[in-house]
Amino acid sequence: MKNTHDLLEKHTASRTKCLVYTRVMGYHRPVESFNVGKKGEHQQRTHFKELLHGSSC
């Protein structure tokens, strides 16, 4: 874990903010705008991962 922290600190100047959007009631909203409870709910979700035929991922 220390290596990851060191790597992030080393490249702080070149990092940019990434907005994560999710679909809510038929339209897309940034997760950043959610209240505390909704953010917690979003973190607990399991994300769908589609496996492609013939893929080893």
PDB file of N, CA and C in Angstrom:
ATOM      1  N   MET A   1       0.837  -1.202   0.000  1.00  0.00           N
ATOM      2  CA  MET A   1       0.000   0.000   0.000  1.00  0.00           C
ATOM      3  C   MET A   1       0.871   1.250   0.000  1.00  0.00           C
ATOM      4  N   LYS A   2       2.009   1.198   0.656  1.00  0.00           N
ATOM      5  CA  LYS A   2       2.890   2.356   0.698  1.00  0.00           C
ATOM      6  C   LYS A   2       3.375   2.728  -0.695  1.00  0.00           C
ATOM      7  N   ASN A   3       3.648   1.738  -1.539  1.00  0.00           N
ATOM      8  CA  ASN A   3       4.102   2.002  -2.901  1.00  0.00           C
ATOM      9  C   ASN A   3       3.049   2.763  -3.700  1.00  0.00           C
ATOM     10  N   THR A   4       1.788   2.406  -3.535  1.00  0.00           N
ATOM     11  CA  THR A   4       0.708   3.104  -4.229  1.00  0.00           C
ATOM     12  C   THR A   4       0.631   4.548  -3.778  1.00  0.00           C
ATOM     13  N   HIS A   5       0.734   4.768  -2.475  1.00  0.00           N
ATOM     14  CA  HIS A   5       0.686   6.123  -1.933  1.00  0.00           C
ATOM     15  C   HIS A   5       1.851   6.957  -2.462  1.00  0.00           C
ATOM     16  N   ASP A   6       3.030   6.372  -2.480  1.00  0.00           N
ATOM     17  CA  ASP A   6       4.216   7.082  -2.992  1.00  0.00           C
ATOM     18  C   ASP A   6       4.043   7.433  -4.461  1.00  0.00           C
ATOM     19  N   LEU A   7       3.494   6.500  -5.235  1.00  0.00           N
ATOM     20  CA  LEU A   7       3.272   6.721  -6.663  1.00  0.00           C
ATOM     21  C   LEU A   7       2.277   7.861  -6.889  1.00  0.00           C
ATOM     22  N   LEU A   8       1.197   7.883  -6.102  1.00  0.00           N
ATOM     23  CA  LEU A   8       0.206   8.952  -6.227  1.00  0.00           C
ATOM     24  C   LEU A   8       0.798  10.305  -5.855  1.00  0.00           C
ATOM     25  N   GLU A   9       1.576  10.335  -4.808  1.00  0.00           N
ATOM     26  CA  GLU A   9       2.209  11.583  -4.384  1.00  0.00           C
ATOM     27  C   GLU A   9       3.198  12.088  -5.432  1.00  0.00           C
ATOM     28  N   LYS A  10       3.910  11.183  -6.044  1.00  0.00           N
ATOM     29  CA  LYS A  10       4.913  11.550  -7.038  1.00  0.00           C
ATOM     30  C   LYS A  10       4.274  12.204  -8.262  1.00  0.00           C
ATOM     31  N   HIS A  11       3.087  11.747  -8.648  1.00  0.00           N
ATOM     32  CA  HIS A  11       2.442  12.224  -9.869  1.00  0.00           C
ATOM     33  C   HIS A  11       1.243  13.137  -9.606  1.00  0.00           C
ATOM     34  N   THR A  12       1.184  13.774  -8.457  1.00  0.00           N
ATOM     35  CA  THR A  12       0.062  14.635  -8.089  1.00  0.00           C
ATOM     36  C   THR A  12      -0.155  15.756  -9.091  1.00  0.00           C
ATOM     37  N   ALA A  13       0.891  16.363  -9.587  1.00  0.00           N
ATOM     38  CA  ALA A  13       0.777  17.498 -10.504  1.00  0.00           C
ATOM     39  C   ALA A  13       0.164  17.108 -11.842  1.00  0.00           C
ATOM     40  N   SER A  14       0.351  15.882 -12.278  1.00  0.00           N
ATOM     41  CA  SER A  14      -0.153  15.473 -13.591  1.00  0.00           C
ATOM     42  C   SER A  14      -1.524  14.795 -13.521  1.00  0.00           C
ATOM     43  N   ARG A  15      -2.082  14.626 -12.319  1.00  0.00           N
ATOM     44  CA  ARG A  15      -3.383  13.974 -12.171  1.00  0.00           C
ATOM     45  C   ARG A  15      -4.510  14.967 -12.450  1.00  0.00           C
ATOM     46  N   THR A  16      -5.623  14.457 -12.953  1.00  0.00           N
ATOM     47  CA  THR A  16      -6.813  15.279 -13.184  1.00  0.00           C
ATOM     48  C   THR A  16      -8.015  14.619 -12.520  1.00  0.00           C
ATOM     49  N   LYS A  17      -9.024  15.406 -12.265  1.00  0.00           N
ATOM     50  CA  LYS A  17     -10.226  14.910 -11.629  1.00  0.00           C
ATOM     51  C   LYS A  17     -11.053  14.118 -12.636  1.00  0.00           C
ATOM     52  N   CYS A  18     -11.578  13.011 -12.217  1.00  0.00           N
ATOM     53  CA  CYS A  18     -12.399  12.156 -13.070  1.00  0.00           C
ATOM     54  C   CYS A  18     -13.817  12.158 -12.514  1.00  0.00           C
ATOM     55  N   LEU A  19     -14.777  12.563 -13.319  1.00  0.00           N
ATOM     56  CA  LEU A  19     -16.174  12.541 -12.889  1.00  0.00           C
ATOM     57  C   LEU A  19     -16.792  11.194 -13.229  1.00  0.00           C
ATOM     58  N   VAL A  20     -17.467  10.605 -12.255  1.00  0.00           N
ATOM     59  CA  VAL A  20     -18.147   9.332 -12.446  1.00  0.00           C
ATOM     60  C   VAL A  20     -19.638   9.616 -12.525  1.00  0.00           C
ATOM     61  N   TYR A  21     -20.266   9.150 -13.599  1.00  0.00           N
ATOM     62  CA  TYR A  21     -21.699   9.336 -13.787  1.00  0.00           C
ATOM     63  C   TYR A  21     -22.410   8.009 -13.620  1.00  0.00           C
ATOM     64  N   THR A  22     -23.644   8.063 -13.151  1.00  0.00           N
ATOM     65  CA  THR A  22     -24.478   6.885 -13.046  1.00  0.00           C
ATOM     66  C   THR A  22     -25.873   7.231 -13.540  1.00  0.00           C
ATOM     67  N   ARG A  23     -26.582   6.234 -13.975  1.00  0.00           N
ATOM     68  CA  ARG A  23     -27.930   6.457 -14.505  1.00  0.00           C
ATOM     69  C   ARG A  23     -28.923   6.421 -13.348  1.00  0.00           C
ATOM     70  N   VAL A  24     -29.689   7.486 -13.197  1.00  0.00           N
ATOM     71  CA  VAL A  24     -30.685   7.597 -12.136  1.00  0.00           C
ATOM     72  C   VAL A  24     -32.008   8.019 -12.769  1.00  0.00           C
ATOM     73  N   MET A  25     -33.015   7.194 -12.620  1.00  0.00           N
ATOM     74  CA  MET A  25     -34.363   7.519 -13.113  1.00  0.00           C
ATOM     75  C   MET A  25     -34.365   7.942 -14.584  1.00  0.00           C
ATOM     76  N   GLY A  26     -33.585   7.244 -15.403  1.00  0.00           N
ATOM     77  CA  GLY A  26     -33.623   7.488 -16.833  1.00  0.00           C
ATOM     78  C   GLY A  26     -32.675   8.557 -17.349  1.00  0.00           C
ATOM     79  N   TYR A  27     -31.913   9.190 -16.504  1.00  0.00           N
ATOM     80  CA  TYR A  27     -30.938  10.177 -16.975  1.00  0.00           C
ATOM     81  C   TYR A  27     -29.648  10.018 -16.186  1.00  0.00           C
ATOM     82  N   HIS A  28     -28.575  10.596 -16.669  1.00  0.00           N
ATOM     83  CA  HIS A  28     -27.261  10.440 -16.054  1.00  0.00           C
ATOM     84  C   HIS A  28     -26.948  11.607 -15.120  1.00  0.00           C
ATOM     85  N   ARG A  29     -26.424  11.279 -13.935  1.00  0.00           N
ATOM     86  CA  ARG A  29     -26.040  12.286 -12.946  1.00  0.00           C
ATOM     87  C   ARG A  29     -24.656  11.967 -12.408  1.00  0.00           C
ATOM     88  N   PRO A  30     -23.878  12.991 -12.080  1.00  0.00           N
ATOM     89  CA  PRO A  30     -22.570  12.718 -11.478  1.00  0.00           C
ATOM     90  C   PRO A  30     -22.729  12.220 -10.036  1.00  0.00           C
ATOM     91  N   VAL A  31     -21.981  11.196  -9.689  1.00  0.00           N
ATOM     92  CA  VAL A  31     -22.032  10.639  -8.334  1.00  0.00           C
ATOM     93  C   VAL A  31     -21.621  11.695  -7.316  1.00  0.00           C
ATOM     94  N   GLU A  32     -20.770  12.622  -7.723  1.00  0.00           N
ATOM     95  CA  GLU A  32     -20.291  13.695  -6.861  1.00  0.00           C
ATOM     96  C   GLU A  32     -21.444  14.508  -6.258  1.00  0.00           C
ATOM     97  N   SER A  33     -22.570  14.608  -6.980  1.00  0.00           N
ATOM     98  CA  SER A  33     -23.690  15.436  -6.511  1.00  0.00           C
ATOM     99  C   SER A  33     -24.622  14.686  -5.554  1.00  0.00           C
ATOM    100  N   PHE A  34     -24.373  13.397  -5.306  1.00  0.00           N
ATOM    101  CA  PHE A  34     -25.227  12.617  -4.412  1.00  0.00           C
ATOM    102  C   PHE A  34     -25.038  13.041  -2.962  1.00  0.00           C
ATOM    103  N   ASN A  35     -26.069  12.805  -2.142  1.00  0.00           N
ATOM    104  CA  ASN A  35     -25.922  13.029  -0.705  1.00  0.00           C
ATOM    105  C   ASN A  35     -25.146  11.861  -0.093  1.00  0.00           C
ATOM    106  N   VAL A  36     -24.814  11.940   1.181  1.00  0.00           N
ATOM    107  CA  VAL A  36     -23.957  10.952   1.836  1.00  0.00           C
ATOM    108  C   VAL A  36     -24.538   9.542   1.744  1.00  0.00           C
ATOM    109  N   GLY A  37     -25.826   9.401   1.974  1.00  0.00           N
ATOM    110  CA  GLY A  37     -26.461   8.081   1.933  1.00  0.00           C
ATOM    111  C   GLY A  37     -26.431   7.469   0.550  1.00  0.00           C
ATOM    112  N   LYS A  38     -26.708   8.269  -0.452  1.00  0.00           N
ATOM    113  CA  LYS A  38     -26.716   7.781  -1.826  1.00  0.00           C
ATOM    114  C   LYS A  38     -25.301   7.410  -2.285  1.00  0.00           C
ATOM    115  N   LYS A  39     -24.283   8.180  -1.846  1.00  0.00           N
ATOM    116  CA  LYS A  39     -22.893   7.844  -2.183  1.00  0.00           C
ATOM    117  C   LYS A  39     -22.520   6.489  -1.584  1.00  0.00           C
ATOM    118  N   GLY A  40     -22.932   6.255  -0.352  1.00  0.00           N
ATOM    119  CA  GLY A  40     -22.657   4.969   0.298  1.00  0.00           C
ATOM    120  C   GLY A  40     -23.332   3.829  -0.426  1.00  0.00           C
ATOM    121  N   GLU A  41     -24.569   4.048  -0.853  1.00  0.00           N
ATOM    122  CA  GLU A  41     -25.305   3.038  -1.611  1.00  0.00           C
ATOM    123  C   GLU A  41     -24.593   2.745  -2.934  1.00  0.00           C
ATOM    124  N   HIS A  42     -24.115   3.771  -3.594  1.00  0.00           N
ATOM    125  CA  HIS A  42     -23.416   3.601  -4.877  1.00  0.00           C
ATOM    126  C   HIS A  42     -22.129   2.791  -4.693  1.00  0.00           C
ATOM    127  N   GLN A  43     -21.401   3.019  -3.599  1.00  0.00           N
ATOM    128  CA  GLN A  43     -20.154   2.290  -3.346  1.00  0.00           C
ATOM    129  C   GLN A  43     -20.407   0.811  -3.088  1.00  0.00           C
ATOM    130  N   GLN A  44     -21.575   0.461  -2.563  1.00  0.00           N
ATOM    131  CA  GLN A  44     -21.884  -0.932  -2.250  1.00  0.00           C
ATOM    132  C   GLN A  44     -22.386  -1.714  -3.457  1.00  0.00           C
ATOM    133  N   ARG A  45     -22.697  -1.059  -4.533  1.00  0.00           N
ATOM    134  CA  ARG A  45     -23.219  -1.743  -5.721  1.00  0.00           C
ATOM    135  C   ARG A  45     -22.167  -2.655  -6.331  1.00  0.00           C
ATOM    136  N   THR A  46     -22.645  -3.735  -6.912  1.00  0.00           N
ATOM    137  CA  THR A  46     -21.744  -4.593  -7.682  1.00  0.00           C
ATOM    138  C   THR A  46     -21.921  -4.224  -9.145  1.00  0.00           C
ATOM    139  N   HIS A  47     -20.818  -4.091  -9.842  1.00  0.00           N
ATOM    140  CA  HIS A  47     -20.847  -3.658 -11.229  1.00  0.00           C
ATOM    141  C   HIS A  47     -20.839  -4.865 -12.158  1.00  0.00           C
ATOM    142  N   PHE A  48     -21.609  -4.780 -13.209  1.00  0.00           N
ATOM    143  CA  PHE A  48     -21.716  -5.833 -14.205  1.00  0.00           C
ATOM    144  C   PHE A  48     -20.453  -5.871 -15.050  1.00  0.00           C
ATOM    145  N   LYS A  49     -19.882  -7.060 -15.227  1.00  0.00           N
ATOM    146  CA  LYS A  49     -18.707  -7.240 -16.078  1.00  0.00           C
ATOM    147  C   LYS A  49     -19.051  -8.271 -17.131  1.00  0.00           C
ATOM    148  N   GLU A  50     -19.082  -7.842 -18.367  1.00  0.00           N
ATOM    149  CA  GLU A  50     -19.405  -8.748 -19.463  1.00  0.00           C
ATOM    150  C   GLU A  50     -18.132  -9.437 -19.949  1.00  0.00           C
ATOM    151  N   LEU A  51     -18.176 -10.750 -20.031  1.00  0.00           N
ATOM    152  CA  LEU A  51     -17.049 -11.499 -20.551  1.00  0.00           C
ATOM    153  C   LEU A  51     -17.285 -11.735 -22.042  1.00  0.00           C
ATOM    154  N   LEU A  52     -16.325 -11.385 -22.840  1.00  0.00           N
ATOM    155  CA  LEU A  52     -16.423 -11.598 -24.264  1.00  0.00           C
ATOM    156  C   LEU A  52     -16.039 -13.038 -24.583  1.00  0.00           C
ATOM    157  N   HIS A  53     -16.692 -13.630 -25.557  1.00  0.00           N
ATOM    158  CA  HIS A  53     -16.382 -15.001 -25.960  1.00  0.00           C
ATOM    159  C   HIS A  53     -14.944 -15.065 -26.457  1.00  0.00           C
ATOM    160  N   GLY A  54     -14.196 -16.024 -25.958  1.00  0.00           N
ATOM    161  CA  GLY A  54     -12.804 -16.199 -26.376  1.00  0.00           C
ATOM    162  C   GLY A  54     -11.837 -15.293 -25.641  1.00  0.00           C
ATOM    163  N   SER A  55     -12.343 -14.525 -24.704  1.00  0.00           N
ATOM    164  CA  SER A  55     -11.481 -13.608 -23.949  1.00  0.00           C
ATOM    165  C   SER A  55     -11.040 -14.281 -22.656  1.00  0.00           C
ATOM    166  N   SER A  56      -9.838 -14.026 -22.235  1.00  0.00           N
ATOM    167  CA  SER A  56      -9.325 -14.611 -20.997  1.00  0.00           C
ATOM    168  C   SER A  56      -9.390 -13.631 -19.836  1.00  0.00           C
ATOM    169  N   CYS A  57     -10.122 -12.530 -19.968  1.00  0.00           N
ATOM    170  CA  CYS A  57     -10.212 -11.511 -18.908  1.00  0.00           C
ATOM    171  C   CYS A  57     -11.033 -11.971 -17.757  1.00  0.00           C
TER     172      CYS A  57
END
